[in-house]
Structure formats: structure tokens, C-alpha cells
C-alpha atoms as a PDB file:
ATOM      1  CA  UNK A   1     110.307 -14.645 -27.511  1.00  0.00           C
ATOM      2  CA  UNK A   2     111.614 -12.210 -24.804  1.00  0.00           C
ATOM      3  CA  UNK A   3     109.785 -11.384 -21.336  1.00  0.00           C
ATOM      4  CA  UNK A   4     109.769  -8.353 -19.862  1.00  0.00           C
ATOM      5  CA  UNK A   5     112.235  -9.367 -17.203  1.00  0.00           C
ATOM      6  CA  UNK A   6     114.838  -9.911 -19.954  1.00  0.00           C
ATOM      7  CA  UNK A   7     114.774 -13.383 -19.752  1.00  0.00           C
ATOM      8  CA  UNK A   8     113.685 -15.891 -22.538  1.00  0.00           C
ATOM      9  CA  UNK A   9     110.000 -16.775 -21.770  1.00  0.00           C
ATOM     10  CA  UNK A  10     108.689 -20.686 -22.178  1.00  0.00           C
ATOM     11  CA  UNK A  11     105.223 -21.799 -22.104  1.00  0.00           C
ATOM     12  CA  UNK A  12     104.416 -24.010 -19.127  1.00  0.00           C
ATOM     13  CA  UNK A  13     102.523 -26.828 -19.811  1.00  0.00           C
ATOM     14  CA  UNK A  14     101.069 -27.610 -16.340  1.00  0.00           C
ATOM     15  CA  UNK A  15      99.996 -24.054 -15.125  1.00  0.00           C
ATOM     16  CA  UNK A  16      98.727 -23.399 -18.708  1.00  0.00           C
ATOM     17  CA  UNK A  17     100.689 -19.921 -18.988  1.00  0.00           C
ATOM     18  CA  UNK A  18     103.970 -18.089 -20.160  1.00  0.00           C
ATOM     19  CA  UNK A  19     106.997 -17.750 -17.439  1.00  0.00           C
ATOM     20  CA  UNK A  20     110.094 -15.938 -17.739  1.00  0.00           C
ATOM     21  CA  UNK A  21     111.930 -17.063 -14.538  1.00  0.00           C
ATOM     22  CA  UNK A  22     110.265 -14.172 -12.571  1.00  0.00           C
ATOM     23  CA  UNK A  23     108.954 -15.766  -8.982  1.00  0.00           C
ATOM     24  CA  UNK A  24     105.217 -16.010  -8.603  1.00  0.00           C
ATOM     25  CA  UNK A  25     103.499 -13.349  -6.310  1.00  0.00           C
ATOM     26  CA  UNK A  26     103.776 -14.146  -2.642  1.00  0.00           C
ATOM     27  CA  UNK A  27     100.650 -15.608  -1.069  1.00  0.00           C
ATOM     28  CA  UNK A  28      98.073 -12.672   0.605  1.00  0.00           C
ATOM     29  CA  UNK A  29      98.977 -12.860   4.670  1.00  0.00           C
ATOM     30  CA  UNK A  30      96.884  -9.649   5.568  1.00  0.00           C
ATOM     31  CA  UNK A  31      94.641  -9.241   8.090  1.00  0.00           C
ATOM     32  CA  UNK A  32      90.936 -11.264   8.305  1.00  0.00           C
ATOM     33  CA  UNK A  33      87.860  -9.363   6.826  1.00  0.00           C
ATOM     34  CA  UNK A  34      85.898  -7.870   9.852  1.00  0.00           C
ATOM     35  CA  UNK A  35      82.780  -9.853  10.397  1.00  0.00           C
ATOM     36  CA  UNK A  36      78.891  -8.607   9.307  1.00  0.00           C
ATOM     37  CA  UNK A  37      77.337  -6.731  12.242  1.00  0.00           C
ATOM     38  CA  UNK A  38      73.930  -8.064  10.672  1.00  0.00           C
ATOM     39  CA  UNK A  39      72.114 -11.090   9.983  1.00  0.00           C
ATOM     40  CA  UNK A  40      70.804 -11.491   6.162  1.00  0.00           C
ATOM     41  CA  UNK A  41      66.936 -11.254   5.950  1.00  0.00           C
ATOM     42  CA  UNK A  42      64.920 -11.720   3.106  1.00  0.00           C
ATOM     43  CA  UNK A  43      62.439  -9.055   4.325  1.00  0.00           C
ATOM     44  CA  UNK A  44      65.010  -6.232   4.214  1.00  0.00           C
ATOM     45  CA  UNK A  45      64.204  -3.901   1.233  1.00  0.00           C
ATOM     46  CA  UNK A  46      67.426  -3.128  -1.098  1.00  0.00           C
ATOM     47  CA  UNK A  47      68.747   0.165   0.074  1.00  0.00           C
ATOM     48  CA  UNK A  48      66.735  -0.121   3.378  1.00  0.00           C
ATOM     49  CA  UNK A  49      68.623   1.022   6.453  1.00  0.00           C
ATOM     50  CA  UNK A  50      69.900  -2.601   8.364  1.00  0.00           C
ATOM     51  CA  UNK A  51      69.563  -2.256  12.088  1.00  0.00           C
ATOM     52  CA  UNK A  52      72.710  -3.778  13.691  1.00  0.00           C
ATOM     53  CA  UNK A  53      72.109  -6.785  15.821  1.00  0.00           C
ATOM     54  CA  UNK A  54      74.296  -8.411  18.601  1.00  0.00           C
ATOM     55  CA  UNK A  55      75.805 -11.575  16.981  1.00  0.00           C
ATOM     56  CA  UNK A  56      78.040 -12.578  19.940  1.00  0.00           C
ATOM     57  CA  UNK A  57      81.832 -11.824  20.511  1.00  0.00           C
ATOM     58  CA  UNK A  58      83.843 -12.134  17.264  1.00  0.00           C
ATOM     59  CA  UNK A  59      85.984 -15.128  16.425  1.00  0.00           C
ATOM     60  CA  UNK A  60      89.485 -15.528  18.084  1.00  0.00           C
ATOM     61  CA  UNK A  61      91.747 -13.901  15.316  1.00  0.00           C
ATOM     62  CA  UNK A  62      94.540 -15.754  14.133  1.00  0.00           C
ATOM     63  CA  UNK A  63      97.855 -16.419  15.504  1.00  0.00           C
ATOM     64  CA  UNK A  64     100.413 -13.902  14.188  1.00  0.00           C
ATOM     65  CA  UNK A  65      97.586 -11.510  12.889  1.00  0.00           C
ATOM     66  CA  UNK A  66      96.633  -8.384  14.226  1.00  0.00           C
ATOM     67  CA  UNK A  67      93.013  -8.034  15.587  1.00  0.00           C
ATOM     68  CA  UNK A  68      90.799  -5.946  13.249  1.00  0.00           C
ATOM     69  CA  UNK A  69      88.976  -3.282  15.104  1.00  0.00           C
ATOM     70  CA  UNK A  70      85.066  -3.487  14.661  1.00  0.00           C
ATOM     71  CA  UNK A  71      83.768  -0.423  12.610  1.00  0.00           C
ATOM     72  CA  UNK A  72      82.515   2.261  14.326  1.00  0.00           C
ATOM     73  CA  UNK A  73      79.007   3.848  14.218  1.00  0.00           C
ATOM     74  CA  UNK A  74      79.532   6.086  11.441  1.00  0.00           C
ATOM     75  CA  UNK A  75      81.391   3.618   9.083  1.00  0.00           C
ATOM     76  CA  UNK A  76      79.810   1.769   6.537  1.00  0.00           C
ATOM     77  CA  UNK A  77      80.363  -2.038   6.365  1.00  0.00           C
ATOM     78  CA  UNK A  78      82.401  -3.376   3.782  1.00  0.00           C
ATOM     79  CA  UNK A  79      83.056  -6.912   2.824  1.00  0.00           C
ATOM     80  CA  UNK A  80      86.129  -7.693   1.190  1.00  0.00           C
ATOM     81  CA  UNK A  81      86.875 -11.251   0.526  1.00  0.00           C
ATOM     82  CA  UNK A  82      90.351 -12.272   0.294  1.00  0.00           C
ATOM     83  CA  UNK A  83      91.437 -15.373  -1.505  1.00  0.00           C
ATOM     84  CA  UNK A  84      89.615 -18.770  -0.391  1.00  0.00           C
ATOM     85  CA  UNK A  85      92.905 -20.127   0.770  1.00  0.00           C
ATOM     86  CA  UNK A  86      93.234 -17.224   3.352  1.00  0.00           C
ATOM     87  CA  UNK A  87      90.087 -17.413   4.983  1.00  0.00           C
ATOM     88  CA  UNK A  88      90.496 -19.897   8.009  1.00  0.00           C
ATOM     89  CA  UNK A  89      88.286 -23.596   7.813  1.00  0.00           C
ATOM     90  CA  UNK A  90      85.512 -22.088  10.687  1.00  0.00           C
ATOM     91  CA  UNK A  91      85.043 -18.513   9.278  1.00  0.00           C
ATOM     92  CA  UNK A  92      84.276 -20.401   5.677  1.00  0.00           C
ATOM     93  CA  UNK A  93      81.596 -22.551   7.482  1.00  0.00           C
ATOM     94  CA  UNK A  94      80.334 -19.642   9.127  1.00  0.00           C
ATOM     95  CA  UNK A  95      79.811 -17.494   6.006  1.00  0.00           C
ATOM     96  CA  UNK A  96      78.484 -20.615   4.193  1.00  0.00           C
ATOM     97  CA  UNK A  97      75.889 -21.452   6.943  1.00  0.00           C
ATOM     98  CA  UNK A  98      74.672 -17.794   6.616  1.00  0.00           C
ATOM     99  CA  UNK A  99      74.309 -17.691   3.052  1.00  0.00           C
ATOM    100  CA  UNK A 100      72.404 -21.271   3.071  1.00  0.00           C
ATOM    101  CA  UNK A 101      69.999 -19.624   5.820  1.00  0.00           C
ATOM    102  CA  UNK A 102      69.568 -16.496   3.460  1.00  0.00           C
ATOM    103  CA  UNK A 103      68.393 -18.355   0.281  1.00  0.00           C
ATOM    104  CA  UNK A 104      66.095 -20.982   2.340  1.00  0.00           C
ATOM    105  CA  UNK A 105      64.400 -17.818   3.929  1.00  0.00           C
ATOM    106  CA  UNK A 106      64.129 -16.309   0.378  1.00  0.00           C
ATOM    107  CA  UNK A 107      62.884 -19.568  -1.345  1.00  0.00           C
ATOM    108  CA  UNK A 108      59.960 -19.851   1.673  1.00  0.00           C
ATOM    109  CA  UNK A 109      58.925 -16.866   0.974  1.00  0.00           C
ATOM    110  CA  UNK A 110      58.533 -17.208  -2.588  1.00  0.00           C
ATOM    111  CA  UNK A 111      56.964 -20.624  -2.001  1.00  0.00           C
ATOM    112  CA  UNK A 112      54.383 -19.147   0.407  1.00  0.00           C
ATOM    113  CA  UNK A 113      53.314 -16.696  -2.036  1.00  0.00           C
ATOM    114  CA  UNK A 114      52.957 -18.942  -4.677  1.00  0.00           C
ATOM    115  CA  UNK A 115      50.217 -21.364  -2.363  1.00  0.00           C
ATOM    116  CA  UNK A 116      48.495 -18.384  -1.121  1.00  0.00           C
ATOM    117  CA  UNK A 117      48.009 -17.830  -5.072  1.00  0.00           C
ATOM    118  CA  UNK A 118      46.745 -21.051  -5.628  1.00  0.00           C
ATOM    119  CA  UNK A 119      44.099 -21.269  -2.539  1.00  0.00           C
ATOM    120  CA  UNK A 120      42.609 -17.926  -3.818  1.00  0.00           C
ATOM    121  CA  UNK A 121      42.219 -19.221  -7.395  1.00  0.00           C
ATOM    122  CA  UNK A 122      41.485 -22.608  -6.759  1.00  0.00           C
ATOM    123  CA  UNK A 123      37.453 -23.592  -5.518  1.00  0.00           C
ATOM    124  CA  UNK A 124      37.472 -24.310  -1.791  1.00  0.00           C
ATOM    125  CA  UNK A 125      35.189 -27.034  -2.427  1.00  0.00           C
ATOM    126  CA  UNK A 126      37.344 -28.912  -4.971  1.00  0.00           C
ATOM    127  CA  UNK A 127      40.415 -28.679  -3.033  1.00  0.00           C
ATOM    128  CA  UNK A 128      40.870 -31.718  -0.475  1.00  0.00           C
ATOM    129  CA  UNK A 129      42.894 -31.465   2.377  1.00  0.00           C
ATOM    130  CA  UNK A 130      45.979 -32.766   2.817  1.00  0.00           C
ATOM    131  CA  UNK A 131      46.525 -34.934   5.987  1.00  0.00           C
ATOM    132  CA  UNK A 132      49.458 -37.073   7.072  1.00  0.00           C
ATOM    133  CA  UNK A 133      46.769 -39.481   8.851  1.00  0.00           C
ATOM    134  CA  UNK A 134      45.500 -42.768   7.427  1.00  0.00           C
ATOM    135  CA  UNK A 135      42.278 -42.665   5.376  1.00  0.00           C
ATOM    136  CA  UNK A 136      39.551 -44.269   7.326  1.00  0.00           C
ATOM    137  CA  UNK A 137      36.834 -46.550   5.266  1.00  0.00           C
ATOM    138  CA  UNK A 138      33.849 -43.998   4.336  1.00  0.00           C
ATOM    139  CA  UNK A 139      30.177 -45.502   6.095  1.00  0.00           C
ATOM    140  CA  UNK A 140      27.681 -46.174   3.312  1.00  0.00           C
ATOM    141  CA  UNK A 141      24.569 -43.780   3.695  1.00  0.00           C
ATOM    142  CA  UNK A 142      21.707 -45.326   4.978  1.00  0.00           C
ATOM    143  CA  UNK A 143      19.040 -42.690   3.981  1.00  0.00           C
ATOM    144  CA  UNK A 144      16.555 -42.611   1.494  1.00  0.00           C
ATOM    145  CA  UNK A 145      17.856 -42.749  -2.203  1.00  0.00           C
ATOM    146  CA  UNK A 146      16.577 -43.190  -5.510  1.00  0.00           C
ATOM    147  CA  UNK A 147      17.160 -46.813  -5.699  1.00  0.00           C
ATOM    148  CA  UNK A 148      16.015 -47.651  -2.517  1.00  0.00           C
ATOM    149  CA  UNK A 149      12.734 -45.890  -2.282  1.00  0.00           C
ATOM    150  CA  UNK A 150       9.442 -47.269  -2.660  1.00  0.00           C
ATOM    151  CA  UNK A 151       7.992 -47.090  -5.969  1.00  0.00           C
ATOM    152  CA  UNK A 152       4.782 -44.934  -6.377  1.00  0.00           C
ATOM    153  CA  UNK A 153       1.847 -46.992  -6.242  1.00  0.00           C
ATOM    154  CA  UNK A 154      -0.313 -47.297  -9.939  1.00  0.00           C
ATOM    155  CA  UNK A 155      -3.418 -48.107  -7.891  1.00  0.00           C
ATOM    156  CA  UNK A 156      -6.458 -46.116  -6.754  1.00  0.00           C
ATOM    157  CA  UNK A 157      -6.305 -43.963  -3.792  1.00  0.00           C
ATOM    158  CA  UNK A 158      -6.839 -44.468  -0.558  1.00  0.00           C
ATOM    159  CA  UNK A 159     -10.896 -44.904  -0.032  1.00  0.00           C
ATOM    160  CA  UNK A 160     -11.235 -46.060  -3.698  1.00  0.00           C
ATOM    161  CA  UNK A 161     -11.263 -49.468  -5.348  1.00  0.00           C
ATOM    162  CA  UNK A 162     -10.797 -50.561  -8.885  1.00  0.00           C
ATOM    163  CA  UNK A 163     -13.552 -52.450 -10.742  1.00  0.00           C
ATOM    164  CA  UNK A 164     -13.347 -54.564 -13.922  1.00  0.00           C
ATOM    165  CA  UNK A 165     -16.938 -54.253 -15.192  1.00  0.00           C
ATOM    166  CA  UNK A 166     -18.367 -56.831 -17.416  1.00  0.00           C
ATOM    167  CA  UNK A 167     -19.949 -54.291 -19.483  1.00  0.00           C
ATOM    168  CA  UNK A 168     -16.291 -53.902 -21.014  1.00  0.00           C
ATOM    169  CA  UNK A 169     -14.859 -50.988 -18.978  1.00  0.00           C
ATOM    170  CA  UNK A 170     -12.520 -50.216 -15.849  1.00  0.00           C
ATOM    171  CA  UNK A 171     -12.372 -47.803 -13.570  1.00  0.00           C
ATOM    172  CA  UNK A 172     -11.991 -46.637 -10.227  1.00  0.00           C
ATOM    173  CA  UNK A 173     -14.821 -46.268  -7.935  1.00  0.00           C
ATOM    174  CA  UNK A 174     -15.647 -45.272  -3.799  1.00  0.00           C
ATOM    175  CA  UNK A 175     -15.234 -48.485  -1.798  1.00  0.00           C
ATOM    176  CA  UNK A 176     -18.430 -49.691  -0.296  1.00  0.00           C
ATOM    177  CA  UNK A 177     -20.563 -48.447  -3.164  1.00  0.00           C
ATOM    178  CA  UNK A 178     -22.416 -51.201  -4.837  1.00  0.00           C
ATOM    179  CA  UNK A 179     -23.162 -52.069  -8.208  1.00  0.00           C
ATOM    180  CA  UNK A 180     -26.524 -51.988  -9.866  1.00  0.00           C
ATOM    181  CA  UNK A 181     -27.511 -52.914 -13.440  1.00  0.00           C
ATOM    182  CA  UNK A 182     -30.269 -50.819 -15.070  1.00  0.00           C
ATOM    183  CA  UNK A 183     -31.273 -50.416 -18.734  1.00  0.00           C
ATOM    184  CA  UNK A 184     -29.845 -46.955 -18.882  1.00  0.00           C
ATOM    185  CA  UNK A 185     -25.938 -48.233 -17.648  1.00  0.00           C
ATOM    186  CA  UNK A 186     -24.037 -49.199 -14.927  1.00  0.00           C
ATOM    187  CA  UNK A 187     -24.267 -47.827 -11.628  1.00  0.00           C
ATOM    188  CA  UNK A 188     -22.223 -47.677  -8.646  1.00  0.00           C
ATOM    189  CA  UNK A 189     -24.688 -46.451  -5.688  1.00  0.00           C
ATOM    190  CA  UNK A 190     -23.256 -44.841  -2.095  1.00  0.00           C
ATOM    191  CA  UNK A 191     -24.808 -46.801   1.287  1.00  0.00           C
ATOM    192  CA  UNK A 192     -27.709 -43.681   1.633  1.00  0.00           C
ATOM    193  CA  UNK A 193     -28.513 -43.679  -2.587  1.00  0.00           C
ATOM    194  CA  UNK A 194     -27.638 -39.978  -2.465  1.00  0.00           C
ATOM    195  CA  UNK A 195     -24.410 -40.209  -4.501  1.00  0.00           C
ATOM    196  CA  UNK A 196     -24.071 -42.593  -7.671  1.00  0.00           C
ATOM    197  CA  UNK A 197     -21.836 -43.135 -10.402  1.00  0.00           C
ATOM    198  CA  UNK A 198     -22.902 -44.164 -13.700  1.00  0.00           C
ATOM    199  CA  UNK A 199     -21.022 -45.259 -16.569  1.00  0.00           C
ATOM    200  CA  UNK A 200     -23.195 -45.219 -19.681  1.00  0.00           C
ATOM    201  CA  UNK A 201     -22.056 -46.456 -23.275  1.00  0.00           C
ATOM    202  CA  UNK A 202     -23.959 -44.853 -25.951  1.00  0.00           C
ATOM    203  CA  UNK A 203     -24.548 -46.969 -29.115  1.00  0.00           C
ATOM    204  CA  UNK A 204     -27.307 -44.455 -31.146  1.00  0.00           C
ATOM    205  CA  UNK A 205     -24.959 -42.958 -33.056  1.00  0.00           C
ATOM    206  CA  UNK A 206     -25.110 -39.386 -31.318  1.00  0.00           C
ATOM    207  CA  UNK A 207     -22.485 -37.685 -33.159  1.00  0.00           C
ATOM    208  CA  UNK A 208     -19.523 -35.924 -30.775  1.00  0.00           C
ATOM    209  CA  UNK A 209     -19.634 -35.982 -27.528  1.00  0.00           C
ATOM    210  CA  UNK A 210     -20.318 -32.070 -27.238  1.00  0.00           C
ATOM    211  CA  UNK A 211     -23.427 -33.120 -29.262  1.00  0.00           C
ATOM    212  CA  UNK A 212     -24.349 -35.660 -26.796  1.00  0.00           C
ATOM    213  CA  UNK A 213     -24.064 -33.345 -23.778  1.00  0.00           C
ATOM    214  CA  UNK A 214     -26.056 -30.825 -25.317  1.00  0.00           C
ATOM    215  CA  UNK A 215     -28.838 -32.600 -26.388  1.00  0.00           C
ATOM    216  CA  UNK A 216     -28.971 -34.636 -23.169  1.00  0.00           C
ATOM    217  CA  UNK A 217     -28.985 -30.604 -21.433  1.00  0.00           C
ATOM    218  CA  UNK A 218     -31.956 -30.144 -23.895  1.00  0.00           C
ATOM    219  CA  UNK A 219     -33.986 -33.033 -23.163  1.00  0.00           C
ATOM    220  CA  UNK A 220     -33.421 -32.807 -18.854  1.00  0.00           C
ATOM    221  CA  UNK A 221     -34.567 -29.127 -19.292  1.00  0.00           C
ATOM    222  CA  UNK A 222     -37.808 -30.180 -20.534  1.00  0.00           C
ATOM    223  CA  UNK A 223     -38.408 -32.976 -18.481  1.00  0.00           C
ATOM    224  CA  UNK A 224     -40.772 -33.391 -15.623  1.00  0.00           C
ATOM    225  CA  UNK A 225     -38.725 -35.211 -13.662  1.00  0.00           C
ATOM    226  CA  UNK A 226     -36.152 -32.571 -13.161  1.00  0.00           C
ATOM    227  CA  UNK A 227     -37.628 -29.770 -11.404  1.00  0.00           C
ATOM    228  CA  UNK A 228     -35.714 -26.772 -11.085  1.00  0.00           C
ATOM    229  CA  UNK A 229     -33.214 -27.895 -13.760  1.00  0.00           C
ATOM    230  CA  UNK A 230     -30.044 -25.556 -14.520  1.00  0.00           C
ATOM    231  CA  UNK A 231     -27.036 -25.926 -16.507  1.00  0.00           C
ATOM    232  CA  UNK A 232     -24.051 -24.889 -14.533  1.00  0.00           C
ATOM    233  CA  UNK A 233     -21.417 -25.404 -17.495  1.00  0.00           C
ATOM    234  CA  UNK A 234     -20.952 -27.379 -20.954  1.00  0.00           C
ATOM    235  CA  UNK A 235     -17.166 -27.246 -22.204  1.00  0.00           C
ATOM    236  CA  UNK A 236     -14.070 -29.192 -22.821  1.00  0.00           C
ATOM    237  CA  UNK A 237     -12.972 -31.122 -19.816  1.00  0.00           C
ATOM    238  CA  UNK A 238     -10.532 -29.411 -17.648  1.00  0.00           C
ATOM    239  CA  UNK A 239      -7.777 -31.652 -16.604  1.00  0.00           C
ATOM    240  CA  UNK A 240      -6.660 -34.591 -18.055  1.00  0.00           C
ATOM    241  CA  UNK A 241      -8.512 -36.854 -20.634  1.00  0.00           C
ATOM    242  CA  UNK A 242      -9.802 -40.572 -19.832  1.00  0.00           C
ATOM    243  CA  UNK A 243      -8.140 -42.889 -21.718  1.00  0.00           C
ATOM    244  CA  UNK A 244      -6.089 -40.011 -23.773  1.00  0.00           C
ATOM    245  CA  UNK A 245      -9.377 -39.092 -25.264  1.00  0.00           C
ATOM    246  CA  UNK A 246      -9.101 -35.737 -27.413  1.00  0.00           C
ATOM    247  CA  UNK A 247     -13.025 -34.933 -27.817  1.00  0.00           C
ATOM    248  CA  UNK A 248     -13.616 -35.441 -23.896  1.00  0.00           C
ATOM    249  CA  UNK A 249     -16.523 -32.539 -23.073  1.00  0.00           C
ATOM    250  CA  UNK A 250     -18.207 -31.836 -19.803  1.00  0.00           C
ATOM    251  CA  UNK A 251     -21.545 -30.673 -18.491  1.00  0.00           C
ATOM    252  CA  UNK A 252     -22.335 -29.529 -14.829  1.00  0.00           C
ATOM    253  CA  UNK A 253     -25.912 -29.092 -13.866  1.00  0.00           C
ATOM    254  CA  UNK A 254     -28.474 -29.382 -10.644  1.00  0.00           C
ATOM    255  CA  UNK A 255     -32.192 -30.017 -10.156  1.00  0.00           C
ATOM    256  CA  UNK A 256     -34.618 -30.985  -7.148  1.00  0.00           C
ATOM    257  CA  UNK A 257     -34.254 -34.586  -6.947  1.00  0.00           C
ATOM    258  CA  UNK A 258     -37.426 -36.475  -5.930  1.00  0.00           C
ATOM    259  CA  UNK A 259     -35.515 -39.598  -4.980  1.00  0.00           C
ATOM    260  CA  UNK A 260     -33.442 -38.032  -2.596  1.00  0.00           C
ATOM    261  CA  UNK A 261     -35.385 -35.371  -1.290  1.00  0.00           C
ATOM    262  CA  UNK A 262     -32.658 -32.427  -1.738  1.00  0.00           C
ATOM    263  CA  UNK A 263     -31.474 -30.829  -4.435  1.00  0.00           C
ATOM    264  CA  UNK A 264     -28.350 -32.450  -6.253  1.00  0.00           C
ATOM    265  CA  UNK A 265     -25.438 -31.484  -8.463  1.00  0.00           C
ATOM    266  CA  UNK A 266     -24.251 -33.530 -11.155  1.00  0.00           C
ATOM    267  CA  UNK A 267     -20.957 -33.687 -13.250  1.00  0.00           C
ATOM    268  CA  UNK A 268     -21.007 -35.701 -16.465  1.00  0.00           C
ATOM    269  CA  UNK A 269     -18.321 -36.295 -18.825  1.00  0.00           C
ATOM    270  CA  UNK A 270     -18.696 -37.539 -22.441  1.00  0.00           C
ATOM    271  CA  UNK A 271     -15.613 -39.271 -24.322  1.00  0.00           C
ATOM    272  CA  UNK A 272     -14.416 -41.643 -27.189  1.00  0.00           C
ATOM    273  CA  UNK A 273     -12.427 -44.005 -25.700  1.00  0.00           C
ATOM    274  CA  UNK A 274      -9.212 -45.687 -27.644  1.00  0.00           C
ATOM    275  CA  UNK A 275     -11.351 -48.479 -28.942  1.00  0.00           C
ATOM    276  CA  UNK A 276     -13.772 -46.423 -30.763  1.00  0.00           C
ATOM    277  CA  UNK A 277     -16.647 -46.637 -28.205  1.00  0.00           C
ATOM    278  CA  UNK A 278     -18.525 -43.464 -26.636  1.00  0.00           C
ATOM    279  CA  UNK A 279     -18.472 -43.658 -23.188  1.00  0.00           C
ATOM    280  CA  UNK A 280     -20.270 -41.157 -20.615  1.00  0.00           C
ATOM    281  CA  UNK A 281     -19.440 -40.944 -16.857  1.00  0.00           C
ATOM    282  CA  UNK A 282     -21.646 -39.419 -14.598  1.00  0.00           C
ATOM    283  CA  UNK A 283     -21.754 -38.680 -10.618  1.00  0.00           C
ATOM    284  CA  UNK A 284     -24.313 -37.129  -8.597  1.00  0.00           C
ATOM    285  CA  UNK A 285     -24.468 -35.665  -5.074  1.00  0.00           C
ATOM    286  CA  UNK A 286     -26.248 -33.477  -2.999  1.00  0.00           C
ATOM    287  CA  UNK A 287     -25.392 -29.771  -3.326  1.00  0.00           C
ATOM    288  CA  UNK A 288     -24.300 -29.612  -0.233  1.00  0.00           C
ATOM    289  CA  UNK A 289     -21.637 -32.219  -1.124  1.00  0.00           C
ATOM    290  CA  UNK A 290     -20.156 -30.182  -3.815  1.00  0.00           C
ATOM    291  CA  UNK A 291     -17.176 -30.414  -4.961  1.00  0.00           C
ATOM    292  CA  UNK A 292     -16.717 -33.837  -3.656  1.00  0.00           C
ATOM    293  CA  UNK A 293     -18.740 -34.878  -7.062  1.00  0.00           C
ATOM    294  CA  UNK A 294     -15.767 -33.530  -9.229  1.00  0.00           C
ATOM    295  CA  UNK A 295     -13.044 -35.226  -7.330  1.00  0.00           C
ATOM    296  CA  UNK A 296     -14.869 -38.776  -7.721  1.00  0.00           C
ATOM    297  CA  UNK A 297     -15.005 -38.356 -11.239  1.00  0.00           C
ATOM    298  CA  UNK A 298     -11.579 -37.085 -11.832  1.00  0.00           C
ATOM    299  CA  UNK A 299     -10.293 -40.373  -9.959  1.00  0.00           C
ATOM    300  CA  UNK A 300     -12.747 -42.421 -12.204  1.00  0.00           C
ATOM    301  CA  UNK A 301     -11.818 -40.739 -15.393  1.00  0.00           C
ATOM    302  CA  UNK A 302      -8.245 -40.977 -14.489  1.00  0.00           C
ATOM    303  CA  UNK A 303      -8.428 -44.707 -14.246  1.00  0.00           C
ATOM    304  CA  UNK A 304     -10.421 -45.587 -17.234  1.00  0.00           C
ATOM    305  CA  UNK A 305      -9.965 -48.005 -19.799  1.00  0.00           C
ATOM    306  CA  UNK A 306     -11.891 -49.964 -22.351  1.00  0.00           C
ATOM    307  CA  UNK A 307     -12.157 -53.652 -21.491  1.00  0.00           C
ATOM    308  CA  UNK A 308     -12.267 -56.080 -18.287  1.00  0.00           C
ATOM    309  CA  UNK A 309      -8.922 -57.435 -18.160  1.00  0.00           C
ATOM    310  CA  UNK A 310      -7.334 -56.765 -14.671  1.00  0.00           C
END
């Protein structure tokens, strides 16, 4: 193979190229490129003018080389990189530091935007704060909780007591009211004798509780012992039924009582208990004491149960 210089070309294994005997080009000995008149900034938009910044005096020129005059105000800055081996060591370190600073600024800007996006997208309450302080053990709560709250009492409310009557039933009556057994049932009488709770078991096959109360109202309206009798209401028991009875019925009436010497008002409830027996729970009081009678009956019915076991 004949080279351009006229000599025979040969392959140089060390340099991995063809050689024809022509000496290689001389190394670059031109002037050092001028130093840029600005610092790289991550916030400068592409194409925007960059204000000149004072970066201090230019580095001293290399020995044996002519200094390069700085760029004029109307001249554009053009970086002409020379061969790597032509740039002195200090200048190479300065350029590498400037390039590294620019990369760090750009990376910080991108990272800040990512964290801001995560902050907007995440739930503030669900994102725990990060701290370099050592965690401190949490103090257990001393307030009331479901595990430490006192259980709700199943006993009678204040001012009442539970009685397990020997006649075969249990219920709550006002405290201080005394028991008295009569032929028409069990009575718990108030100290002044005006108020009473009567519990009566009907064993005469009266039919349904509703029919029993209808017959009672009819008899009272024709009795001379109940002058001024007035039926105020007759219907299904409002509110919870005693002993889960499904047929509870209620009668409300008033009359002039010779024993009390005043007009009284009565609420009477008839129902079939879970053991099949039919009961009536009646509460009496003066008309002026109404609706205390309803409150006493409601507590008595809520606590009623057949049997005497306590």
C-alpha cells in the first residue's frame, strides 16, 4: 500500500493506525482560552441574557504565552476548549468545580420540586415528621376508656328497690313503700297511703289482656265505690313491654277516691308473662301527682320478671 507521502504505509499495532513516515502534528501551543465572565446558574432560562459578574482577577498567564485581552461589552463569550493536555492544572480544577456546582444546583432544584409535590399529595396527618432527636417513650393515657369505665348498673334507679315477692314475681318499687297482701293482689303502699303499686294475677280465664282491661273499665264505670269515674285512655302499652310481652295493654282512668279524700289518677297495664301467666300492674296517685304514676309503672314494668329467685 502506498501512502500520500510516497512512502510505503505500515500498520502500527501500538497506536492502532496506519503510518507512512510523515511526522505527527505538533502539540497545541496556542493561547489559553479566556475565563468566562459569569457563574453558571440553575435559574437562568435558555437564551436569556446573563448579567456579567465580577469573579475577581483573571489567573496569571502561563509563562511564554501572550495574555488574552478580556471580551468587550459588545462581544459574545465563546468558549473554545483546547486539548486536555493544553489546559494547566489549576484551570482544569476551576472548571471542574464550576461544573460540579452547576450540577448540584440543578439537582437541588429538581429534588425540592419532588418533595413539594409529595407534600401536596400526601395527607398531612398521615405523614410523620422526621426528626434527628431521639424518640421519647410515650406516656400512657390516664383518662377514662372503654376498658376502665365502670359497668352500667343493672339494678333499680335511685329511690327504688327490687323485691322478690313470694307470690311469684320480681319487680322494683319505690323505697319505703310497704308490702300488704289482700284478696285482690299484692300492694306496696306509700307512707301517706295515697300512692300504691298493685300486682294482680288473673286466674279466671279472662281472655286477652285487652279484653281484661275493657271489662275492668266497664265494671268501674258502674260501681258506686268509684264516683266520677272517667276513662282517659285504653290502648297498646307505649314503650318497652314487660318480660318481652307481645300483648301488653294499658288503661288510664281517674275517679274521686273516698279513701284518699281526693281525685286520683290510675295507670293499669295487663300482659302475659313468659311463663304463660297473666298479670296486671297498677299504680295509683293523686291527680296532682301525675305523671309520677307513669314513671313508677315504667320502672316496675321494666324490672318485672316471673319467679322469686334473686
